[in-house]
């Protein structure tokens, strides 16, 4: 048992971002497109198994994004998927799907998804509402065991913000490595906390992708 992370509900929430894809490696915004894991991403996901073993999950409910890269990461890490949750899908980038921030800023200088959302896609408020639904369901499920969410980078950044009771745009201050796990819980006064963050089974110090 790790300090106070089990004190309130008795269980933890673990968030996992999928392993590397060719698009995440090159910084292309990847929402609905089903891009497979790279060989590096596969190895990252397999290596996550040792991290999860160390966490000694208790009867986990495992919810995954509808995208194959999330389910593949869960399975490679040794998790048994409970169900697919459509609300865990990555931000819908609309017209900017598949493009890098550098490319987008040629025609839309200063653009960030945090400031402007995605034209033809989702606003930050819409993503925040999805995340809040996920967190409400997760909190309910935590009465029965640990909850593991396997999804995406931007979505995880918004989820981190919302779990801590911050506005969705606080997520811009959070960076989530591929195939990394974050552990969230509550202290004895039911205050939401990040217990551990950025846990990887691979040497991430010099990782240059996204």
C-alpha atoms as a PDB file:
ATOM      1  CA  UNK A   1       0.000   0.000   0.000  1.00  0.00           C
ATOM      2  CA  UNK A   2       1.420   3.358  -1.034  1.00  0.00           C
ATOM      3  CA  UNK A   3       1.098   6.175   1.543  1.00  0.00           C
ATOM      4  CA  UNK A   4      -2.435   7.666   1.419  1.00  0.00           C
ATOM      5  CA  UNK A   5      -3.493   6.964  -2.143  1.00  0.00           C
ATOM      6  CA  UNK A   6      -6.051   4.349  -1.060  1.00  0.00           C
ATOM      7  CA  UNK A   7      -7.406   6.225   1.963  1.00  0.00           C
ATOM      8  CA  UNK A   8     -10.728   7.548   0.649  1.00  0.00           C
ATOM      9  CA  UNK A   9     -12.379   5.094  -1.702  1.00  0.00           C
ATOM     10  CA  UNK A  10      -9.869   2.381  -0.903  1.00  0.00           C
ATOM     11  CA  UNK A  11      -8.813   2.255  -4.539  1.00  0.00           C
ATOM     12  CA  UNK A  12      -6.845   4.129  -7.168  1.00  0.00           C
ATOM     13  CA  UNK A  13      -7.347   5.547 -10.637  1.00  0.00           C
ATOM     14  CA  UNK A  14      -4.547   4.762 -13.090  1.00  0.00           C
ATOM     15  CA  UNK A  15      -4.290   6.616 -16.401  1.00  0.00           C
ATOM     16  CA  UNK A  16      -2.221   5.166 -19.244  1.00  0.00           C
ATOM     17  CA  UNK A  17      -1.391   6.821 -22.541  1.00  0.00           C
ATOM     18  CA  UNK A  18      -0.951   4.460 -25.504  1.00  0.00           C
ATOM     19  CA  UNK A  19       2.519   3.670 -26.847  1.00  0.00           C
ATOM     20  CA  UNK A  20       4.229   5.509 -29.665  1.00  0.00           C
ATOM     21  CA  UNK A  21       2.702   5.682 -33.151  1.00  0.00           C
ATOM     22  CA  UNK A  22       4.306   7.102 -36.282  1.00  0.00           C
ATOM     23  CA  UNK A  23       2.031  10.123 -35.980  1.00  0.00           C
ATOM     24  CA  UNK A  24       2.777  10.762 -32.313  1.00  0.00           C
ATOM     25  CA  UNK A  25       6.483  10.414 -33.066  1.00  0.00           C
ATOM     26  CA  UNK A  26       6.288  13.160 -35.694  1.00  0.00           C
ATOM     27  CA  UNK A  27       3.891  15.390 -33.763  1.00  0.00           C
ATOM     28  CA  UNK A  28       0.874  14.905 -36.033  1.00  0.00           C
ATOM     29  CA  UNK A  29      -2.450  15.436 -34.285  1.00  0.00           C
ATOM     30  CA  UNK A  30      -4.051  12.000 -34.106  1.00  0.00           C
ATOM     31  CA  UNK A  31      -7.709  11.868 -33.139  1.00  0.00           C
ATOM     32  CA  UNK A  32     -10.070   9.483 -34.900  1.00  0.00           C
ATOM     33  CA  UNK A  33      -7.442   8.070 -37.287  1.00  0.00           C
ATOM     34  CA  UNK A  34      -6.505   4.545 -36.239  1.00  0.00           C
ATOM     35  CA  UNK A  35      -2.719   4.657 -36.458  1.00  0.00           C
ATOM     36  CA  UNK A  36      -1.013   1.486 -35.189  1.00  0.00           C
ATOM     37  CA  UNK A  37       1.774   1.348 -32.639  1.00  0.00           C
ATOM     38  CA  UNK A  38       5.312   1.489 -34.000  1.00  0.00           C
ATOM     39  CA  UNK A  39       7.808  -1.221 -33.060  1.00  0.00           C
ATOM     40  CA  UNK A  40       9.044   1.206 -30.416  1.00  0.00           C
ATOM     41  CA  UNK A  41       5.468   1.696 -29.213  1.00  0.00           C
ATOM     42  CA  UNK A  42       4.963  -2.062 -28.943  1.00  0.00           C
ATOM     43  CA  UNK A  43       8.118  -2.406 -26.834  1.00  0.00           C
ATOM     44  CA  UNK A  44       7.063   0.557 -24.664  1.00  0.00           C
ATOM     45  CA  UNK A  45       3.671  -1.047 -24.029  1.00  0.00           C
ATOM     46  CA  UNK A  46       5.190  -4.424 -23.180  1.00  0.00           C
ATOM     47  CA  UNK A  47       7.590  -2.732 -20.777  1.00  0.00           C
ATOM     48  CA  UNK A  48       4.659  -1.122 -18.994  1.00  0.00           C
ATOM     49  CA  UNK A  49       3.740  -4.577 -17.690  1.00  0.00           C
ATOM     50  CA  UNK A  50       6.436  -4.400 -15.024  1.00  0.00           C
ATOM     51  CA  UNK A  51       5.163  -1.003 -13.881  1.00  0.00           C
ATOM     52  CA  UNK A  52       1.643  -2.358 -13.518  1.00  0.00           C
ATOM     53  CA  UNK A  53       2.916  -5.426 -11.681  1.00  0.00           C
ATOM     54  CA  UNK A  54       4.624  -3.105  -9.202  1.00  0.00           C
ATOM     55  CA  UNK A  55       1.340  -1.246  -8.659  1.00  0.00           C
ATOM     56  CA  UNK A  56      -0.330  -4.543  -7.638  1.00  0.00           C
ATOM     57  CA  UNK A  57      -3.711  -3.541  -9.023  1.00  0.00           C
ATOM     58  CA  UNK A  58      -6.737  -4.631  -7.022  1.00  0.00           C
ATOM     59  CA  UNK A  59      -9.516  -6.237  -9.117  1.00  0.00           C
ATOM     60  CA  UNK A  60      -9.121  -3.555 -11.805  1.00  0.00           C
ATOM     61  CA  UNK A  61     -11.840  -2.270 -14.085  1.00  0.00           C
ATOM     62  CA  UNK A  62     -10.024  -1.495 -17.357  1.00  0.00           C
ATOM     63  CA  UNK A  63     -11.669   0.990 -19.715  1.00  0.00           C
ATOM     64  CA  UNK A  64     -10.096   1.777 -23.085  1.00  0.00           C
ATOM     65  CA  UNK A  65     -10.526   4.298 -25.872  1.00  0.00           C
ATOM     66  CA  UNK A  66     -12.254   3.049 -29.041  1.00  0.00           C
ATOM     67  CA  UNK A  67      -8.950   3.451 -30.924  1.00  0.00           C
ATOM     68  CA  UNK A  68      -6.965   0.276 -31.568  1.00  0.00           C
ATOM     69  CA  UNK A  69      -3.711   1.837 -30.331  1.00  0.00           C
ATOM     70  CA  UNK A  70      -5.222   2.041 -26.836  1.00  0.00           C
ATOM     71  CA  UNK A  71      -6.537  -1.525 -26.735  1.00  0.00           C
ATOM     72  CA  UNK A  72      -3.233  -2.812 -28.126  1.00  0.00           C
ATOM     73  CA  UNK A  73      -1.308  -0.969 -25.406  1.00  0.00           C
ATOM     74  CA  UNK A  74      -3.562  -2.419 -22.697  1.00  0.00           C
ATOM     75  CA  UNK A  75      -3.171  -5.962 -23.978  1.00  0.00           C
ATOM     76  CA  UNK A  76       0.589  -5.716 -24.504  1.00  0.00           C
ATOM     77  CA  UNK A  77       0.923  -4.434 -20.935  1.00  0.00           C
ATOM     78  CA  UNK A  78      -0.925  -7.488 -19.674  1.00  0.00           C
ATOM     79  CA  UNK A  79      -4.266  -5.878 -18.861  1.00  0.00           C
ATOM     80  CA  UNK A  80      -7.631  -7.505 -19.502  1.00  0.00           C
ATOM     81  CA  UNK A  81      -9.983  -4.944 -21.025  1.00  0.00           C
ATOM     82  CA  UNK A  82     -13.346  -4.632 -19.279  1.00  0.00           C
ATOM     83  CA  UNK A  83     -15.007  -2.394 -21.853  1.00  0.00           C
ATOM     84  CA  UNK A  84     -14.538   0.296 -24.478  1.00  0.00           C
ATOM     85  CA  UNK A  85     -15.576   3.788 -23.377  1.00  0.00           C
ATOM     86  CA  UNK A  86     -16.318   6.167 -26.278  1.00  0.00           C
ATOM     87  CA  UNK A  87     -15.705   9.135 -23.960  1.00  0.00           C
ATOM     88  CA  UNK A  88     -12.028   8.100 -23.769  1.00  0.00           C
ATOM     89  CA  UNK A  89     -11.470   8.830 -27.476  1.00  0.00           C
ATOM     90  CA  UNK A  90      -8.809  11.424 -28.211  1.00  0.00           C
ATOM     91  CA  UNK A  91      -9.736  15.056 -28.883  1.00  0.00           C
ATOM     92  CA  UNK A  92     -11.492  15.321 -32.269  1.00  0.00           C
ATOM     93  CA  UNK A  93      -9.072  17.548 -34.182  1.00  0.00           C
ATOM     94  CA  UNK A  94     -11.473  18.074 -37.085  1.00  0.00           C
ATOM     95  CA  UNK A  95      -9.814  19.990 -39.924  1.00  0.00           C
ATOM     96  CA  UNK A  96      -6.424  19.695 -38.213  1.00  0.00           C
ATOM     97  CA  UNK A  97      -6.356  15.891 -38.028  1.00  0.00           C
ATOM     98  CA  UNK A  98      -3.002  14.511 -39.165  1.00  0.00           C
ATOM     99  CA  UNK A  99      -1.263  17.892 -39.177  1.00  0.00           C
ATOM    100  CA  UNK A 100       1.520  19.172 -36.942  1.00  0.00           C
ATOM    101  CA  UNK A 101       1.268  22.390 -34.936  1.00  0.00           C
ATOM    102  CA  UNK A 102       3.980  23.899 -37.141  1.00  0.00           C
ATOM    103  CA  UNK A 103       1.961  23.183 -40.289  1.00  0.00           C
ATOM    104  CA  UNK A 104      -1.243  24.537 -38.755  1.00  0.00           C
ATOM    105  CA  UNK A 105       0.422  27.769 -37.633  1.00  0.00           C
ATOM    106  CA  UNK A 106       1.454  28.625 -41.180  1.00  0.00           C
ATOM    107  CA  UNK A 107      -2.179  29.550 -41.860  1.00  0.00           C
ATOM    108  CA  UNK A 108      -3.349  30.050 -38.250  1.00  0.00           C
ATOM    109  CA  UNK A 109      -0.473  31.819 -36.425  1.00  0.00           C
ATOM    110  CA  UNK A 110      -0.352  31.258 -32.686  1.00  0.00           C
ATOM    111  CA  UNK A 111      -2.851  28.402 -32.795  1.00  0.00           C
ATOM    112  CA  UNK A 112      -2.989  25.983 -29.906  1.00  0.00           C
ATOM    113  CA  UNK A 113      -5.704  23.436 -29.261  1.00  0.00           C
ATOM    114  CA  UNK A 114      -5.933  24.857 -25.728  1.00  0.00           C
ATOM    115  CA  UNK A 115      -6.831  28.331 -26.908  1.00  0.00           C
ATOM    116  CA  UNK A 116      -8.891  27.623 -29.992  1.00  0.00           C
ATOM    117  CA  UNK A 117     -10.001  24.013 -29.919  1.00  0.00           C
ATOM    118  CA  UNK A 118     -10.141  22.349 -33.316  1.00  0.00           C
ATOM    119  CA  UNK A 119     -12.150  23.815 -36.220  1.00  0.00           C
ATOM    120  CA  UNK A 120     -14.526  21.186 -37.519  1.00  0.00           C
ATOM    121  CA  UNK A 121     -13.755  19.164 -34.391  1.00  0.00           C
ATOM    122  CA  UNK A 122     -14.189  19.591 -30.651  1.00  0.00           C
ATOM    123  CA  UNK A 123     -13.892  22.568 -28.339  1.00  0.00           C
ATOM    124  CA  UNK A 124     -12.085  22.280 -25.051  1.00  0.00           C
ATOM    125  CA  UNK A 125     -15.447  22.486 -23.264  1.00  0.00           C
ATOM    126  CA  UNK A 126     -16.668  19.440 -25.177  1.00  0.00           C
ATOM    127  CA  UNK A 127     -13.558  17.436 -24.323  1.00  0.00           C
ATOM    128  CA  UNK A 128     -13.816  18.558 -20.703  1.00  0.00           C
ATOM    129  CA  UNK A 129     -17.430  17.359 -20.539  1.00  0.00           C
ATOM    130  CA  UNK A 130     -16.415  13.917 -21.844  1.00  0.00           C
ATOM    131  CA  UNK A 131     -13.614  13.700 -19.300  1.00  0.00           C
ATOM    132  CA  UNK A 132     -15.957  14.670 -16.474  1.00  0.00           C
ATOM    133  CA  UNK A 133     -18.282  11.818 -17.456  1.00  0.00           C
ATOM    134  CA  UNK A 134     -15.346   9.386 -17.431  1.00  0.00           C
ATOM    135  CA  UNK A 135     -14.271  10.593 -14.003  1.00  0.00           C
ATOM    136  CA  UNK A 136     -17.776  10.259 -12.581  1.00  0.00           C
ATOM    137  CA  UNK A 137     -18.019   6.670 -13.816  1.00  0.00           C
ATOM    138  CA  UNK A 138     -14.511   5.938 -12.576  1.00  0.00           C
ATOM    139  CA  UNK A 139     -15.257   7.270  -9.111  1.00  0.00           C
ATOM    140  CA  UNK A 140     -18.280   4.949  -8.913  1.00  0.00           C
ATOM    141  CA  UNK A 141     -16.234   1.957 -10.077  1.00  0.00           C
ATOM    142  CA  UNK A 142     -13.475   2.715  -7.557  1.00  0.00           C
ATOM    143  CA  UNK A 143     -15.820   1.496  -4.842  1.00  0.00           C
ATOM    144  CA  UNK A 144     -15.165  -2.030  -6.112  1.00  0.00           C
ATOM    145  CA  UNK A 145     -11.499  -1.950  -7.150  1.00  0.00           C
ATOM    146  CA  UNK A 146      -8.825   0.017  -8.941  1.00  0.00           C
ATOM    147  CA  UNK A 147      -9.786   1.647 -12.245  1.00  0.00           C
ATOM    148  CA  UNK A 148      -7.420   1.773 -15.217  1.00  0.00           C
ATOM    149  CA  UNK A 149      -8.073   4.083 -18.167  1.00  0.00           C
ATOM    150  CA  UNK A 150      -6.068   3.521 -21.357  1.00  0.00           C
ATOM    151  CA  UNK A 151      -6.330   6.365 -23.821  1.00  0.00           C
ATOM    152  CA  UNK A 152      -4.441   9.326 -25.286  1.00  0.00           C
ATOM    153  CA  UNK A 153      -2.141  12.269 -24.713  1.00  0.00           C
ATOM    154  CA  UNK A 154      -4.338  15.342 -24.959  1.00  0.00           C
ATOM    155  CA  UNK A 155      -7.276  13.587 -23.351  1.00  0.00           C
ATOM    156  CA  UNK A 156      -5.075  12.534 -20.440  1.00  0.00           C
ATOM    157  CA  UNK A 157      -3.855  16.075 -19.957  1.00  0.00           C
ATOM    158  CA  UNK A 158      -7.444  17.318 -19.689  1.00  0.00           C
ATOM    159  CA  UNK A 159      -8.314  14.423 -17.388  1.00  0.00           C
ATOM    160  CA  UNK A 160      -5.408  15.271 -15.088  1.00  0.00           C
ATOM    161  CA  UNK A 161      -6.642  18.854 -14.841  1.00  0.00           C
ATOM    162  CA  UNK A 162     -10.249  17.900 -14.196  1.00  0.00           C
ATOM    163  CA  UNK A 163      -9.371  15.211 -11.634  1.00  0.00           C
ATOM    164  CA  UNK A 164      -7.556  17.883  -9.648  1.00  0.00           C
ATOM    165  CA  UNK A 165     -10.563  20.192  -9.904  1.00  0.00           C
ATOM    166  CA  UNK A 166      -8.807  22.569 -12.303  1.00  0.00           C
ATOM    167  CA  UNK A 167     -10.194  23.992 -15.567  1.00  0.00           C
ATOM    168  CA  UNK A 168      -9.524  21.852 -18.624  1.00  0.00           C
ATOM    169  CA  UNK A 169      -6.970  24.334 -19.985  1.00  0.00           C
ATOM    170  CA  UNK A 170      -4.711  23.573 -17.001  1.00  0.00           C
ATOM    171  CA  UNK A 171      -3.843  20.460 -19.005  1.00  0.00           C
ATOM    172  CA  UNK A 172      -1.463  22.521 -21.128  1.00  0.00           C
ATOM    173  CA  UNK A 173       0.918  22.408 -18.151  1.00  0.00           C
ATOM    174  CA  UNK A 174       0.987  18.600 -18.169  1.00  0.00           C
ATOM    175  CA  UNK A 175       3.064  16.361 -20.470  1.00  0.00           C
ATOM    176  CA  UNK A 176       2.315  12.657 -20.747  1.00  0.00           C
ATOM    177  CA  UNK A 177       4.879  10.230 -22.178  1.00  0.00           C
ATOM    178  CA  UNK A 178       3.751   7.363 -24.421  1.00  0.00           C
ATOM    179  CA  UNK A 179       2.997   4.112 -22.575  1.00  0.00           C
ATOM    180  CA  UNK A 180       3.300   5.833 -19.208  1.00  0.00           C
ATOM    181  CA  UNK A 181       1.086   5.421 -16.166  1.00  0.00           C
ATOM    182  CA  UNK A 182      -0.176   8.047 -13.747  1.00  0.00           C
ATOM    183  CA  UNK A 183      -1.687   7.119 -10.390  1.00  0.00           C
ATOM    184  CA  UNK A 184      -4.423   9.294  -8.918  1.00  0.00           C
ATOM    185  CA  UNK A 185      -6.097   8.987  -5.549  1.00  0.00           C
ATOM    186  CA  UNK A 186      -7.524  10.851  -2.572  1.00  0.00           C
ATOM    187  CA  UNK A 187      -6.095  11.775   0.791  1.00  0.00           C
ATOM    188  CA  UNK A 188      -7.912  11.144   4.085  1.00  0.00           C
ATOM    189  CA  UNK A 189      -9.863  14.400   3.618  1.00  0.00           C
ATOM    190  CA  UNK A 190     -10.999  13.274   0.140  1.00  0.00           C
ATOM    191  CA  UNK A 191      -8.675  15.757  -1.570  1.00  0.00           C
ATOM    192  CA  UNK A 192      -7.786  14.553  -5.104  1.00  0.00           C
ATOM    193  CA  UNK A 193      -4.076  14.006  -5.566  1.00  0.00           C
ATOM    194  CA  UNK A 194      -1.549  12.820  -8.111  1.00  0.00           C
ATOM    195  CA  UNK A 195       0.199   9.979  -6.306  1.00  0.00           C
ATOM    196  CA  UNK A 196       2.685   9.158  -9.052  1.00  0.00           C
ATOM    197  CA  UNK A 197       3.111  10.363 -12.601  1.00  0.00           C
ATOM    198  CA  UNK A 198       5.006   9.413 -15.748  1.00  0.00           C
ATOM    199  CA  UNK A 199       5.806   5.846 -14.733  1.00  0.00           C
ATOM    200  CA  UNK A 200       7.392   4.002 -17.671  1.00  0.00           C
ATOM    201  CA  UNK A 201       8.988   0.617 -18.138  1.00  0.00           C
ATOM    202  CA  UNK A 202      11.473   2.039 -20.642  1.00  0.00           C
ATOM    203  CA  UNK A 203      14.272   4.568 -20.291  1.00  0.00           C
ATOM    204  CA  UNK A 204      12.369   7.770 -21.056  1.00  0.00           C
ATOM    205  CA  UNK A 205      15.037  10.338 -20.188  1.00  0.00           C
ATOM    206  CA  UNK A 206      16.115  10.842 -23.795  1.00  0.00           C
ATOM    207  CA  UNK A 207      12.858   9.980 -25.554  1.00  0.00           C
ATOM    208  CA  UNK A 208      12.396  12.530 -28.337  1.00  0.00           C
ATOM    209  CA  UNK A 209       8.915  11.722 -29.635  1.00  0.00           C
ATOM    210  CA  UNK A 210       5.596  12.889 -28.268  1.00  0.00           C
END
